[in-house]
Amino acid sequence: MRRLLAAVWAAIWKVAKWPMAAAVVVLLLLLMPVAYVEIACRGEPGTQTYRSAIADPAFQRREANTYLTYPEWHIVYAYDGLAEALKTGDEHAFDYIRSVSAFWRSTCALMRVADAHGGADGNTRAMIHTIGVSFTTEMGVKGAYEETIGRAAAWLRGRDKTPQDTFVSEMAVDYAAFLRQTPWYKYPFGRKARELWAAPVDGVVRGWERRLGLGLEFTAKAAYAKVLAGAAANAPAQLVIRSIVAGLDEKTLSSIPGVHVIGARPGGVEIETPRYDLFTSILVDIARRGGTISEIAGNDDIMVSVTIPEGSDSRLQQGTVIMRLKRDGFRSERLLVDMKVSGLAAFLNAHPLGDPGLEHVFDY
């Protein structure tokens, strides 16, 4: 019996050792950028001396987080870029490698900046590395598939897109817009997989390839999303943020959709608003009405992004450019700008929402 077990184990090991070795190599490759960021991406440590007018500590957020929010938004912008690429081409036209590289390069640079503003806490670092490894894996697998099987099926199809191509292109636009305000795991991937299969197939190989390949992707994401949604329910994200606004009375502020007035404070009025993309729109509305923002979430420094035509002058009248990045899927560039909250209203009035123009205010 002992010899039989040894023989069985030897046979299993002979078959499994190479896949296991490959899995270890892949894992090490995925963890290499994490190790680099942790070791090499350190800045000069700084301490925060600003005294907040927002008294409730539940609404005071770490200033470093305005810079460390960007990695999550980079993923949102990657899907923006993929949706843009699909308007005129196929998935293999998207530069998956460059998108992943830009994620880690920007994370490294912003970690250094964040150190001067109190630095990242352990949970934030873990979150960034987790989504970074996940994003790298997803883009790697998707890129490998689209550059081989996907490209071959598109070549066999010819120039005319199938109903499945049209559906996926429209879904990409919808998904990119969805991510701007809602966590990805709340997207109805299961329903989208069924709708993909419901689109008619006229016998073209591409139609069946999209059904099988992307249908499997959507189904896998739906299953993973259920797991994350359960975990997120135990630690829900704070969906509102507080700011101090001067130059507008409480009645005017209350008339702005999404604004809830908390009360008068030294230097202005404390308000509560939604976070994420709606927050940017609300701040633009406040600035347009003549208001100024003196504090956000207990902080006096903030990062914003603007888009500019590719190769154009990046000099700005307000703020300091931290990074200049090529936008995935677009013929334009993104500037990440560090500035004082007190100068934000003037900046928002000088750079209206649009493309090119103001893209986002990163809300800690």
Protein backbone atom coordinates (compact mmCIF):
# COMPACT_ATOMS: atom_id res chain seq x y z
CA MET A 1 0.00 0.00 0.00
CA ARG A 2 2.82 2.39 0.87
CA ARG A 3 4.46 1.76 -2.50
CA LEU A 4 1.13 2.32 -4.27
CA LEU A 5 0.60 5.66 -2.50
CA ALA A 6 4.17 6.69 -3.33
CA ALA A 7 3.61 5.80 -6.98
CA VAL A 8 0.32 7.72 -7.11
CA TRP A 9 1.94 10.78 -5.49
CA ALA A 10 4.87 10.60 -7.90
CA ALA A 11 2.47 10.47 -10.85
CA ILE A 12 0.46 13.44 -9.52
CA TRP A 13 3.62 15.45 -8.86
CA LYS A 14 4.95 14.71 -12.33
CA VAL A 15 1.81 16.19 -13.87
CA ALA A 16 1.23 19.04 -11.40
CA LYS A 17 4.72 20.39 -10.78
CA TRP A 18 4.93 22.50 -13.92
CA PRO A 19 1.51 24.17 -13.53
CA MET A 20 2.37 24.83 -9.88
CA ALA A 21 5.74 26.29 -10.85
CA ALA A 22 4.04 28.47 -13.47
CA ALA A 23 1.50 29.67 -10.88
CA VAL A 24 4.30 30.61 -8.48
CA VAL A 25 6.11 32.55 -11.24
CA VAL A 26 2.91 34.40 -12.17
CA LEU A 27 2.25 35.26 -8.52
CA LEU A 28 5.79 36.59 -8.08
CA LEU A 29 5.44 38.71 -11.22
CA LEU A 30 2.17 40.16 -9.94
CA LEU A 31 3.72 40.99 -6.57
CA MET A 32 6.84 42.64 -8.02
CA PRO A 33 5.22 46.08 -8.53
CA VAL A 34 3.77 45.88 -5.01
CA ALA A 35 7.23 45.26 -3.60
CA TYR A 36 8.68 48.08 -5.69
CA VAL A 37 6.06 50.58 -4.50
CA GLU A 38 6.61 49.59 -0.86
CA ILE A 39 10.41 49.79 -1.07
CA ALA A 40 11.19 52.51 -3.60
CA CYS A 41 8.20 54.85 -3.60
CA ARG A 42 8.84 56.82 -0.43
CA GLY A 43 8.76 60.59 -0.04
CA GLU A 44 9.80 63.06 2.60
CA PRO A 45 7.48 62.56 5.59
CA GLY A 46 5.41 65.53 6.63
CA THR A 47 2.94 66.31 9.39
CA GLN A 48 -0.39 68.10 9.16
CA THR A 49 -0.81 71.34 11.12
CA TYR A 50 -4.10 72.55 9.64
CA ARG A 51 -6.89 72.86 12.24
CA SER A 52 -10.26 71.78 10.90
CA ALA A 53 -13.44 73.83 11.26
CA ILE A 54 -15.41 70.59 10.84
CA ALA A 55 -15.81 69.42 14.42
CA ASP A 56 -17.13 65.90 13.88
CA PRO A 57 -14.12 63.54 13.55
CA ALA A 58 -16.27 61.10 11.55
CA PHE A 59 -16.11 63.60 8.68
CA GLN A 60 -12.40 64.37 8.91
CA ARG A 61 -10.47 62.31 6.36
CA ARG A 62 -6.72 61.84 5.89
CA GLU A 63 -5.31 64.48 3.55
CA ALA A 64 -3.02 61.90 1.90
CA ASN A 65 -6.11 60.13 0.58
CA THR A 66 -6.82 62.81 -2.03
CA TYR A 67 -3.69 61.58 -3.83
CA LEU A 68 -4.23 57.91 -3.04
CA THR A 69 -7.78 57.92 -4.42
CA TYR A 70 -6.36 58.19 -7.93
CA PRO A 71 -5.40 54.49 -8.38
CA GLU A 72 -9.09 53.54 -8.10
CA TRP A 73 -10.01 56.23 -10.60
CA HIS A 74 -7.26 55.09 -12.95
CA ILE A 75 -9.22 51.86 -13.32
CA VAL A 76 -12.39 53.85 -14.02
CA TYR A 77 -10.52 55.84 -16.66
CA ALA A 78 -9.14 52.64 -18.19
CA TYR A 79 -12.71 51.51 -18.86
CA ASP A 80 -13.46 54.96 -20.27
CA GLY A 81 -10.57 54.39 -22.64
CA LEU A 82 -11.74 50.90 -23.60
CA ALA A 83 -15.21 52.25 -24.35
CA GLU A 84 -13.63 54.97 -26.50
CA ALA A 85 -11.50 52.44 -28.39
CA LEU A 86 -14.57 50.31 -29.15
CA LYS A 87 -16.31 53.22 -30.88
CA THR A 88 -14.02 52.84 -33.89
CA GLY A 89 -12.22 49.52 -33.39
CA ASP A 90 -12.10 46.26 -31.48
CA GLU A 91 -10.80 45.28 -28.05
CA HIS A 92 -7.32 44.48 -29.32
CA ALA A 93 -6.88 48.18 -30.22
CA PHE A 94 -6.71 49.04 -26.51
CA ASP A 95 -3.21 49.19 -24.98
CA TYR A 96 -3.58 46.93 -21.95
CA ILE A 97 0.12 46.92 -21.06
CA ARG A 98 0.40 50.72 -21.06
CA SER A 99 -2.70 51.03 -18.87
CA VAL A 100 -1.26 48.65 -16.26
CA SER A 101 2.13 50.36 -16.41
CA ALA A 102 0.51 53.78 -15.89
CA PHE A 103 -1.37 52.44 -12.87
CA TRP A 104 1.84 51.45 -11.07
CA ARG A 105 3.84 54.51 -12.20
CA SER A 106 1.16 56.89 -10.96
CA THR A 107 0.75 54.93 -7.73
CA CYS A 108 4.48 55.20 -7.08
CA ALA A 109 4.58 58.95 -7.73
CA LEU A 110 1.48 59.65 -5.64
CA MET A 111 2.70 57.54 -2.73
CA ARG A 112 5.68 59.88 -2.55
CA VAL A 113 3.48 62.96 -2.61
CA ALA A 114 1.15 61.45 -0.01
CA ASP A 115 4.06 61.00 2.42
CA ALA A 116 4.38 64.79 2.63
CA HIS A 117 0.70 64.95 3.66
CA GLY A 118 0.72 62.45 6.49
CA GLY A 119 1.26 59.30 4.42
CA ALA A 120 -0.96 56.31 3.69
CA ASP A 121 -2.34 54.16 6.46
CA GLY A 122 -2.01 50.38 6.27
CA ASN A 123 -5.57 49.76 5.10
CA THR A 124 -5.23 52.24 2.24
CA ARG A 125 -1.93 50.71 1.10
CA ALA A 126 -3.43 47.22 1.24
CA MET A 127 -6.47 48.38 -0.75
CA ILE A 128 -4.35 49.99 -3.46
CA HIS A 129 -2.13 46.92 -3.80
CA THR A 130 -5.15 44.61 -3.89
CA ILE A 131 -6.92 46.52 -6.66
CA GLY A 132 -3.57 46.93 -8.44
CA VAL A 133 -2.91 43.19 -8.54
CA SER A 134 -6.53 42.55 -9.52
CA PHE A 135 -6.38 45.17 -12.30
CA THR A 136 -3.05 43.81 -13.55
CA THR A 137 -4.46 40.28 -13.64
CA GLU A 138 -7.65 41.33 -15.39
CA MET A 139 -5.89 43.44 -18.01
CA GLY A 140 -3.26 40.73 -18.53
CA VAL A 141 -5.81 37.98 -19.12
CA LYS A 142 -8.09 40.18 -21.21
CA GLY A 143 -5.20 41.53 -23.26
CA ALA A 144 -3.80 38.05 -23.93
CA TYR A 145 -7.22 36.80 -25.04
CA GLU A 146 -8.08 39.79 -27.22
CA GLU A 147 -4.66 39.85 -28.89
CA THR A 148 -4.99 36.18 -29.91
CA ILE A 149 -8.44 34.57 -30.09
CA GLY A 150 -10.29 37.89 -30.14
CA ARG A 151 -8.09 39.36 -32.88
CA ALA A 152 -8.40 36.21 -35.01
CA ALA A 153 -12.20 36.19 -34.69
CA ALA A 154 -12.35 39.90 -35.58
CA TRP A 155 -10.20 39.24 -38.67
CA LEU A 156 -12.50 36.43 -39.80
CA ARG A 157 -15.52 38.71 -39.25
CA GLY A 158 -14.23 41.52 -41.43
CA ARG A 159 -15.07 45.20 -41.09
CA ASP A 160 -18.78 44.85 -40.31
CA LYS A 161 -19.39 44.37 -36.60
CA THR A 162 -21.72 41.70 -35.26
CA PRO A 163 -24.71 42.36 -32.95
CA GLN A 164 -22.52 41.02 -30.14
CA ASP A 165 -19.82 43.61 -30.94
CA THR A 166 -22.43 46.36 -30.87
CA PHE A 167 -23.82 45.14 -27.56
CA VAL A 168 -20.36 44.96 -25.94
CA SER A 169 -19.47 48.45 -27.22
CA GLU A 170 -22.68 49.92 -25.76
CA MET A 171 -22.14 48.03 -22.51
CA ALA A 172 -18.60 49.44 -22.23
CA VAL A 173 -19.96 53.00 -22.37
CA ASP A 174 -22.62 52.14 -19.78
CA TYR A 175 -20.14 50.43 -17.47
CA ALA A 176 -17.65 53.30 -17.63
CA ALA A 177 -20.40 55.77 -16.67
CA PHE A 178 -21.62 53.44 -13.91
CA LEU A 179 -18.16 53.27 -12.30
CA ARG A 180 -18.02 57.03 -11.80
CA GLN A 181 -20.52 56.89 -8.96
CA THR A 182 -21.05 53.24 -8.00
CA PRO A 183 -18.72 50.36 -6.97
CA TRP A 184 -18.05 47.96 -9.84
CA TYR A 185 -19.42 44.92 -8.00
CA LYS A 186 -22.94 46.40 -8.12
CA TYR A 187 -23.01 46.26 -11.92
CA PRO A 188 -25.47 43.64 -13.29
CA PHE A 189 -22.91 41.39 -15.01
CA GLY A 190 -25.20 38.35 -14.84
CA ARG A 191 -28.00 40.15 -16.67
CA LYS A 192 -25.54 41.52 -19.22
CA ALA A 193 -24.27 37.99 -19.92
CA ARG A 194 -27.83 36.89 -20.67
CA GLU A 195 -28.44 39.91 -22.89
CA LEU A 196 -25.22 39.16 -24.79
CA TRP A 197 -26.47 35.64 -25.51
CA ALA A 198 -29.87 37.01 -26.53
CA ALA A 199 -28.36 39.10 -29.35
CA PRO A 200 -28.90 37.24 -32.67
CA VAL A 201 -26.05 35.32 -34.28
CA ASP A 202 -25.97 35.17 -38.07
CA GLY A 203 -23.46 32.34 -38.36
CA VAL A 204 -20.33 34.50 -38.12
CA VAL A 205 -17.55 33.03 -35.96
CA ARG A 206 -17.09 36.37 -34.19
CA GLY A 207 -20.62 36.31 -32.82
CA TRP A 208 -20.15 32.93 -31.16
CA GLU A 209 -16.65 33.87 -29.97
CA ARG A 210 -18.05 36.99 -28.25
CA ARG A 211 -20.87 34.97 -26.72
CA LEU A 212 -18.55 32.33 -25.31
CA GLY A 213 -15.48 34.41 -24.42
CA LEU A 214 -17.12 37.53 -23.01
CA GLY A 215 -20.10 35.62 -21.69
CA LEU A 216 -17.67 33.63 -19.54
CA GLU A 217 -15.96 36.86 -18.44
CA PHE A 218 -19.26 38.48 -17.39
CA THR A 219 -20.38 35.34 -15.57
CA ALA A 220 -17.09 35.12 -13.66
CA LYS A 221 -17.33 38.81 -12.71
CA ALA A 222 -20.90 38.31 -11.52
CA ALA A 223 -19.77 35.52 -9.18
CA TYR A 224 -16.79 37.54 -7.90
CA ALA A 225 -19.01 40.59 -7.44
CA LYS A 226 -21.32 38.66 -5.11
CA VAL A 227 -18.36 37.78 -2.90
CA LEU A 228 -17.14 41.38 -2.75
CA ALA A 229 -20.63 42.76 -2.19
CA GLY A 230 -20.96 40.51 0.86
CA ALA A 231 -17.60 41.66 2.22
CA ALA A 232 -18.40 45.34 1.54
CA ALA A 233 -21.68 45.02 3.44
CA ASN A 234 -19.66 44.42 6.61
CA ALA A 235 -17.59 47.60 6.11
CA PRO A 236 -19.66 50.03 4.01
CA ALA A 237 -17.88 53.04 2.54
CA GLN A 238 -18.84 56.51 3.72
CA LEU A 239 -20.90 57.93 0.85
CA VAL A 240 -21.06 61.57 2.01
CA ILE A 241 -18.44 64.23 2.67
CA ARG A 242 -18.46 67.60 4.47
CA SER A 243 -16.98 70.92 3.37
CA ILE A 244 -16.81 74.55 4.49
CA VAL A 245 -18.11 77.07 1.93
CA ALA A 246 -17.94 80.88 2.09
CA GLY A 247 -19.56 83.53 -0.09
CA LEU A 248 -23.01 81.87 -0.29
CA ASP A 249 -25.75 81.97 2.32
CA GLU A 250 -27.47 78.88 3.69
CA LYS A 251 -30.58 79.37 1.55
CA THR A 252 -28.58 79.47 -1.67
CA LEU A 253 -26.52 76.44 -0.68
CA SER A 254 -29.68 74.50 0.22
CA SER A 255 -31.07 75.16 -3.27
CA ILE A 256 -28.17 73.30 -4.89
CA PRO A 257 -29.18 69.67 -5.64
CA GLY A 258 -27.29 67.27 -3.37
CA VAL A 259 -26.29 69.88 -0.76
CA HIS A 260 -27.43 69.51 2.86
CA VAL A 261 -26.59 72.46 5.09
CA ILE A 262 -25.20 71.50 8.52
CA GLY A 263 -24.79 75.00 9.93
CA ALA A 264 -22.69 78.14 10.23
CA ARG A 265 -19.01 77.72 11.11
CA PRO A 266 -16.04 80.07 11.49
CA GLY A 267 -15.19 81.14 7.97
CA GLY A 268 -18.33 79.86 6.24
CA VAL A 269 -21.11 77.27 6.19
CA GLU A 270 -20.62 73.55 6.75
CA ILE A 271 -22.36 71.43 4.13
CA GLU A 272 -22.76 67.71 3.48
CA THR A 273 -22.81 66.31 -0.05
CA PRO A 274 -22.45 63.00 -1.91
CA ARG A 275 -18.94 61.84 -2.75
CA TYR A 276 -17.36 60.67 -6.02
CA ASP A 277 -18.39 62.17 -9.37
CA LEU A 278 -21.40 64.05 -7.99
CA PHE A 279 -19.09 65.87 -5.58
CA THR A 280 -17.14 67.37 -8.46
CA SER A 281 -20.32 68.62 -10.14
CA ILE A 282 -21.58 70.16 -6.88
CA LEU A 283 -18.29 72.00 -6.30
CA VAL A 284 -18.43 73.36 -9.85
CA ASP A 285 -21.98 74.64 -9.18
CA ILE A 286 -20.86 76.31 -5.94
CA ALA A 287 -17.93 78.02 -7.69
CA ARG A 288 -20.16 79.15 -10.58
CA ARG A 289 -22.55 80.82 -8.10
CA GLY A 290 -19.67 82.78 -6.54
CA GLY A 291 -18.93 80.56 -3.58
CA THR A 292 -15.46 79.62 -2.36
CA ILE A 293 -14.40 76.42 -0.63
CA SER A 294 -12.09 76.82 2.34
CA GLU A 295 -11.97 73.26 3.63
CA ILE A 296 -12.94 69.75 2.56
CA ALA A 297 -13.11 66.84 5.02
CA GLY A 298 -10.84 68.67 7.46
CA ASN A 299 -8.10 69.40 4.89
CA ASP A 300 -6.65 72.41 3.09
CA ASP A 301 -4.86 70.61 0.21
CA ILE A 302 -6.49 68.65 -2.60
CA MET A 303 -5.74 67.03 -5.97
CA VAL A 304 -7.75 67.58 -9.15
CA SER A 305 -7.39 66.30 -12.70
CA VAL A 306 -7.83 68.12 -16.00
CA THR A 307 -7.57 66.86 -19.56
CA ILE A 308 -5.67 68.66 -22.30
CA PRO A 309 -5.04 67.99 -26.01
CA GLU A 310 -2.08 65.70 -26.60
CA GLY A 311 1.21 67.61 -26.71
CA SER A 312 -0.26 70.96 -25.59
CA ASP A 313 1.17 73.31 -22.97
CA SER A 314 0.65 72.01 -19.42
CA ARG A 315 1.27 75.29 -17.58
CA LEU A 316 -1.59 76.30 -15.26
CA GLN A 317 -2.34 79.54 -13.43
CA GLN A 318 -3.28 77.71 -10.23
CA GLY A 319 -1.82 74.61 -8.64
CA THR A 320 1.22 72.43 -9.29
CA VAL A 321 1.24 69.62 -11.86
CA ILE A 322 2.23 66.35 -10.16
CA MET A 323 2.01 64.09 -13.21
CA ARG A 324 1.17 64.22 -16.91
CA LEU A 325 -0.34 60.96 -18.21
CA LYS A 326 -1.44 59.73 -21.63
CA ARG A 327 -5.15 58.90 -21.46
CA ASP A 328 -6.05 55.33 -22.32
CA GLY A 329 -7.96 55.18 -25.60
CA PHE A 330 -7.94 58.96 -26.19
CA ARG A 331 -5.71 61.34 -28.13
CA SER A 332 -5.31 63.58 -25.11
CA GLU A 333 -3.51 63.75 -21.78
CA ARG A 334 -4.41 63.99 -18.11
CA LEU A 335 -2.81 66.38 -15.62
CA LEU A 336 -2.88 65.56 -11.92
CA VAL A 337 -2.77 68.90 -10.12
CA ASP A 338 -1.96 69.59 -6.45
CA MET A 339 -3.49 72.75 -5.00
CA LYS A 340 -4.84 74.51 -1.95
CA VAL A 341 -8.55 74.06 -1.27
CA SER A 342 -8.83 77.85 -0.93
CA GLY A 343 -7.87 78.21 -4.61
CA LEU A 344 -10.20 75.47 -5.83
CA ALA A 345 -13.17 77.69 -6.74
CA ALA A 346 -11.01 79.91 -8.95
CA PHE A 347 -9.54 76.81 -10.59
CA LEU A 348 -12.98 75.34 -11.25
CA ASN A 349 -14.16 78.57 -12.84
CA ALA A 350 -11.04 78.67 -15.03
CA HIS A 351 -11.41 75.03 -16.11
CA PRO A 352 -15.07 74.16 -16.78
CA LEU A 353 -16.19 70.53 -16.73
CA GLY A 354 -15.57 68.92 -20.10
CA ASP A 355 -12.99 67.35 -22.37
CA PRO A 356 -10.63 69.12 -22.56
CA GLY A 357 -11.17 70.71 -19.16
CA LEU A 358 -11.87 69.74 -15.58
CA GLU A 359 -12.18 65.99 -15.11
CA HIS A 360 -12.41 65.25 -11.38
CA VAL A 361 -11.85 66.55 -7.83
CA PHE A 362 -10.38 63.71 -5.74
CA ASP A 363 -12.33 63.68 -2.51
CA TYR A 364 -10.11 61.78 -0.05
